[in-house]
Amino acid sequence: MASEEIEIRRAPKILPFMLTFAALGMLVAVLLLFITPPNAELPENFFGLTLISFGSLGLGLGAAFAITYDLISSRRAKRALANRVTE
């Protein structure tokens, strides 16, 4: 049997990073709602707009963070020799 050279590395899953950062973005929007004083000049749907904005911003930042982490982890990949087993 011929040995093959394989790459061993731990790749992060992107979806959990995206959902975590989106939840953090929405948490920031909720905190912003409680921190800001009530203002009659703000539109009624301001909270909804900030919730969507910060949530989607967090989603994008989570994806960027996961992809960056994946690129860094691919540099630490190890190589090994493996034999293919057929049954």
N, C-alpha and C. Protein backbone atom coordinates (compact mmCIF):
# COMPACT_ATOMS: atom_id res chain seq x y z
N MET A 1 0.83 -1.18 0.00
CA MET A 1 0.00 0.00 0.00
C MET A 1 0.87 1.25 0.00
N ALA A 2 0.39 2.22 -0.71
CA ALA A 2 1.13 3.48 -0.77
C ALA A 2 0.65 4.42 0.33
N SER A 3 1.58 5.10 0.94
CA SER A 3 1.23 6.08 1.98
C SER A 3 0.89 7.41 1.32
N GLU A 4 -0.07 8.08 1.92
CA GLU A 4 -0.46 9.41 1.45
C GLU A 4 -0.12 10.43 2.52
N GLU A 5 0.26 11.61 2.07
CA GLU A 5 0.52 12.69 3.02
C GLU A 5 -0.78 13.46 3.22
N ILE A 6 -1.19 13.59 4.49
CA ILE A 6 -2.43 14.29 4.80
C ILE A 6 -2.13 15.48 5.71
N GLU A 7 -3.08 16.39 5.75
CA GLU A 7 -2.95 17.59 6.59
C GLU A 7 -3.94 17.47 7.75
N ILE A 8 -3.44 17.65 8.96
CA ILE A 8 -4.27 17.56 10.16
C ILE A 8 -4.37 18.94 10.78
N ARG A 9 -5.60 19.44 10.91
CA ARG A 9 -5.81 20.73 11.55
C ARG A 9 -7.23 20.80 12.06
N ARG A 10 -7.45 21.71 12.99
CA ARG A 10 -8.77 21.93 13.55
C ARG A 10 -9.37 23.16 12.89
N ALA A 11 -10.41 22.96 12.13
CA ALA A 11 -11.07 24.08 11.45
C ALA A 11 -12.29 24.51 12.26
N PRO A 12 -12.45 25.81 12.50
CA PRO A 12 -13.62 26.28 13.26
C PRO A 12 -14.88 26.22 12.41
N LYS A 13 -16.01 26.04 13.08
CA LYS A 13 -17.29 26.10 12.39
C LYS A 13 -17.72 27.56 12.36
N ILE A 14 -18.14 28.02 11.21
CA ILE A 14 -18.42 29.44 11.02
C ILE A 14 -19.76 29.85 11.62
N LEU A 15 -20.77 28.99 11.51
CA LEU A 15 -22.12 29.36 11.96
C LEU A 15 -22.19 29.69 13.46
N PRO A 16 -21.56 28.92 14.36
CA PRO A 16 -21.62 29.32 15.78
C PRO A 16 -20.98 30.68 16.05
N PHE A 17 -19.89 31.00 15.35
CA PHE A 17 -19.28 32.32 15.51
C PHE A 17 -20.26 33.40 15.04
N MET A 18 -20.90 33.19 13.91
CA MET A 18 -21.83 34.18 13.37
C MET A 18 -23.01 34.39 14.32
N LEU A 19 -23.57 33.31 14.83
CA LEU A 19 -24.74 33.44 15.71
C LEU A 19 -24.36 34.08 17.05
N THR A 20 -23.18 33.75 17.56
CA THR A 20 -22.74 34.35 18.83
C THR A 20 -22.53 35.84 18.68
N PHE A 21 -21.86 36.25 17.62
CA PHE A 21 -21.62 37.68 17.41
C PHE A 21 -22.91 38.42 17.10
N ALA A 22 -23.86 37.77 16.41
CA ALA A 22 -25.16 38.40 16.14
C ALA A 22 -25.92 38.61 17.46
N ALA A 23 -25.87 37.61 18.35
CA ALA A 23 -26.53 37.75 19.65
C ALA A 23 -25.87 38.86 20.47
N LEU A 24 -24.54 38.96 20.41
CA LEU A 24 -23.86 40.04 21.11
C LEU A 24 -24.24 41.40 20.54
N GLY A 25 -24.39 41.49 19.23
CA GLY A 25 -24.82 42.74 18.61
C GLY A 25 -26.22 43.13 19.04
N MET A 26 -27.12 42.15 19.13
CA MET A 26 -28.47 42.46 19.59
C MET A 26 -28.48 42.84 21.07
N LEU A 27 -27.60 42.23 21.85
CA LEU A 27 -27.48 42.60 23.26
C LEU A 27 -27.00 44.05 23.40
N VAL A 28 -26.08 44.46 22.55
CA VAL A 28 -25.62 45.85 22.55
C VAL A 28 -26.77 46.79 22.20
N ALA A 29 -27.62 46.39 21.27
CA ALA A 29 -28.78 47.23 20.90
C ALA A 29 -29.75 47.36 22.08
N VAL A 30 -29.96 46.27 22.82
CA VAL A 30 -30.84 46.33 23.98
C VAL A 30 -30.24 47.22 25.06
N LEU A 31 -28.93 47.07 25.30
CA LEU A 31 -28.27 47.91 26.29
C LEU A 31 -28.31 49.39 25.87
N LEU A 32 -28.18 49.63 24.59
CA LEU A 32 -28.26 51.00 24.08
C LEU A 32 -29.64 51.59 24.31
N LEU A 33 -30.67 50.76 24.21
CA LEU A 33 -32.04 51.22 24.45
C LEU A 33 -32.20 51.66 25.90
N PHE A 34 -31.63 50.90 26.84
CA PHE A 34 -31.79 51.24 28.25
C PHE A 34 -30.87 52.37 28.69
N ILE A 35 -29.74 52.55 28.02
CA ILE A 35 -28.79 53.59 28.41
C ILE A 35 -29.23 54.96 27.91
N THR A 36 -29.76 55.04 26.71
CA THR A 36 -30.14 56.34 26.14
C THR A 36 -31.38 56.88 26.83
N PRO A 37 -31.42 58.19 27.05
CA PRO A 37 -32.61 58.78 27.68
C PRO A 37 -33.77 58.78 26.68
N PRO A 38 -35.00 58.74 27.19
CA PRO A 38 -36.15 58.79 26.28
C PRO A 38 -36.19 60.13 25.53
N ASN A 39 -36.39 60.04 24.25
CA ASN A 39 -36.37 61.22 23.41
C ASN A 39 -37.60 61.17 22.50
N ALA A 40 -38.35 62.24 22.45
CA ALA A 40 -39.57 62.27 21.64
C ALA A 40 -39.26 62.40 20.15
N GLU A 41 -38.04 62.80 19.81
CA GLU A 41 -37.71 63.02 18.40
C GLU A 41 -37.33 61.73 17.67
N LEU A 42 -37.04 60.66 18.40
CA LEU A 42 -36.68 59.41 17.75
C LEU A 42 -37.93 58.75 17.18
N PRO A 43 -37.80 58.10 16.04
CA PRO A 43 -38.96 57.39 15.48
C PRO A 43 -39.35 56.21 16.37
N GLU A 44 -40.58 55.75 16.22
CA GLU A 44 -41.09 54.67 17.06
C GLU A 44 -40.36 53.36 16.83
N ASN A 45 -39.91 53.13 15.63
CA ASN A 45 -39.26 51.86 15.31
C ASN A 45 -37.74 51.93 15.44
N PHE A 46 -37.23 52.87 16.21
CA PHE A 46 -35.78 53.03 16.35
C PHE A 46 -35.14 51.80 16.98
N PHE A 47 -35.80 51.23 17.99
CA PHE A 47 -35.24 50.03 18.63
C PHE A 47 -35.16 48.87 17.65
N GLY A 48 -36.19 48.69 16.85
CA GLY A 48 -36.17 47.60 15.87
C GLY A 48 -35.08 47.79 14.84
N LEU A 49 -34.90 49.02 14.40
CA LEU A 49 -33.86 49.29 13.42
C LEU A 49 -32.46 49.08 13.99
N THR A 50 -32.24 49.52 15.24
CA THR A 50 -30.93 49.30 15.84
C THR A 50 -30.71 47.82 16.14
N LEU A 51 -31.76 47.10 16.50
CA LEU A 51 -31.64 45.66 16.75
C LEU A 51 -31.21 44.93 15.48
N ILE A 52 -31.84 45.25 14.37
CA ILE A 52 -31.49 44.63 13.09
C ILE A 52 -30.09 45.06 12.65
N SER A 53 -29.78 46.34 12.82
CA SER A 53 -28.48 46.85 12.39
C SER A 53 -27.33 46.23 13.17
N PHE A 54 -27.43 46.25 14.50
CA PHE A 54 -26.35 45.69 15.31
C PHE A 54 -26.30 44.17 15.19
N GLY A 55 -27.45 43.53 15.02
CA GLY A 55 -27.46 42.08 14.82
C GLY A 55 -26.77 41.68 13.54
N SER A 56 -27.06 42.38 12.45
CA SER A 56 -26.42 42.05 11.18
C SER A 56 -24.94 42.45 11.17
N LEU A 57 -24.60 43.53 11.86
CA LEU A 57 -23.20 43.90 12.00
C LEU A 57 -22.43 42.83 12.77
N GLY A 58 -23.03 42.34 13.85
CA GLY A 58 -22.41 41.25 14.61
C GLY A 58 -22.29 39.98 13.79
N LEU A 59 -23.28 39.71 12.96
CA LEU A 59 -23.23 38.53 12.09
C LEU A 59 -22.05 38.62 11.13
N GLY A 60 -21.87 39.78 10.52
CA GLY A 60 -20.75 39.97 9.60
C GLY A 60 -19.41 39.91 10.31
N LEU A 61 -19.33 40.53 11.49
CA LEU A 61 -18.08 40.48 12.25
C LEU A 61 -17.76 39.06 12.70
N GLY A 62 -18.78 38.29 13.05
CA GLY A 62 -18.57 36.90 13.44
C GLY A 62 -18.04 36.07 12.28
N ALA A 63 -18.57 36.30 11.09
CA ALA A 63 -18.07 35.59 9.91
C ALA A 63 -16.63 35.98 9.61
N ALA A 64 -16.34 37.26 9.70
CA ALA A 64 -14.96 37.72 9.45
C ALA A 64 -14.00 37.16 10.48
N PHE A 65 -14.42 37.12 11.75
CA PHE A 65 -13.57 36.57 12.81
C PHE A 65 -13.32 35.08 12.59
N ALA A 66 -14.36 34.33 12.21
CA ALA A 66 -14.21 32.89 11.98
C ALA A 66 -13.30 32.61 10.79
N ILE A 67 -13.43 33.38 9.73
CA ILE A 67 -12.58 33.17 8.55
C ILE A 67 -11.14 33.53 8.88
N THR A 68 -10.93 34.60 9.63
CA THR A 68 -9.57 34.97 10.04
C THR A 68 -8.97 33.90 10.94
N TYR A 69 -9.76 33.38 11.87
CA TYR A 69 -9.29 32.32 12.75
C TYR A 69 -8.97 31.05 11.95
N ASP A 70 -9.76 30.77 10.93
CA ASP A 70 -9.51 29.62 10.07
C ASP A 70 -8.20 29.78 9.31
N LEU A 71 -7.92 30.97 8.81
CA LEU A 71 -6.66 31.21 8.11
C LEU A 71 -5.47 31.05 9.04
N ILE A 72 -5.59 31.53 10.26
CA ILE A 72 -4.50 31.40 11.23
C ILE A 72 -4.30 29.93 11.60
N SER A 73 -5.39 29.20 11.79
CA SER A 73 -5.26 27.79 12.18
C SER A 73 -4.73 26.93 11.04
N SER A 74 -4.95 27.35 9.80
CA SER A 74 -4.43 26.55 8.68
C SER A 74 -2.91 26.65 8.59
N ARG A 75 -2.33 27.71 9.13
CA ARG A 75 -0.88 27.83 9.14
C ARG A 75 -0.25 26.89 10.17
N ARG A 76 -1.01 26.51 11.17
CA ARG A 76 -0.50 25.62 12.21
C ARG A 76 -0.77 24.16 11.89
N ALA A 77 -1.20 23.87 10.69
CA ALA A 77 -1.55 22.50 10.32
C ALA A 77 -0.31 21.61 10.34
N LYS A 78 -0.53 20.38 10.74
CA LYS A 78 0.56 19.40 10.77
C LYS A 78 0.35 18.42 9.64
N ARG A 79 1.44 17.87 9.16
CA ARG A 79 1.39 16.88 8.09
C ARG A 79 1.72 15.51 8.67
N ALA A 80 1.08 14.48 8.11
CA ALA A 80 1.31 13.12 8.58
C ALA A 80 1.18 12.17 7.40
N LEU A 81 1.75 11.00 7.55
CA LEU A 81 1.61 9.95 6.55
C LEU A 81 0.51 9.00 6.98
N ALA A 82 -0.34 8.62 6.05
CA ALA A 82 -1.46 7.74 6.37
C ALA A 82 -1.59 6.68 5.28
N ASN A 83 -2.02 5.51 5.70
CA ASN A 83 -2.30 4.41 4.76
C ASN A 83 -3.80 4.28 4.59
N ARG A 84 -4.24 4.12 3.37
CA ARG A 84 -5.66 3.95 3.10
C ARG A 84 -6.05 2.51 3.40
N VAL A 85 -7.14 2.34 4.14
CA VAL A 85 -7.63 1.02 4.51
C VAL A 85 -8.90 0.75 3.72
N THR A 86 -8.92 -0.36 3.01
CA THR A 86 -10.13 -0.76 2.26
C THR A 86 -10.61 -2.09 2.83
N GLU A 87 -11.90 -2.16 3.05
CA GLU A 87 -12.47 -3.40 3.59
C GLU A 87 -13.46 -3.98 2.64
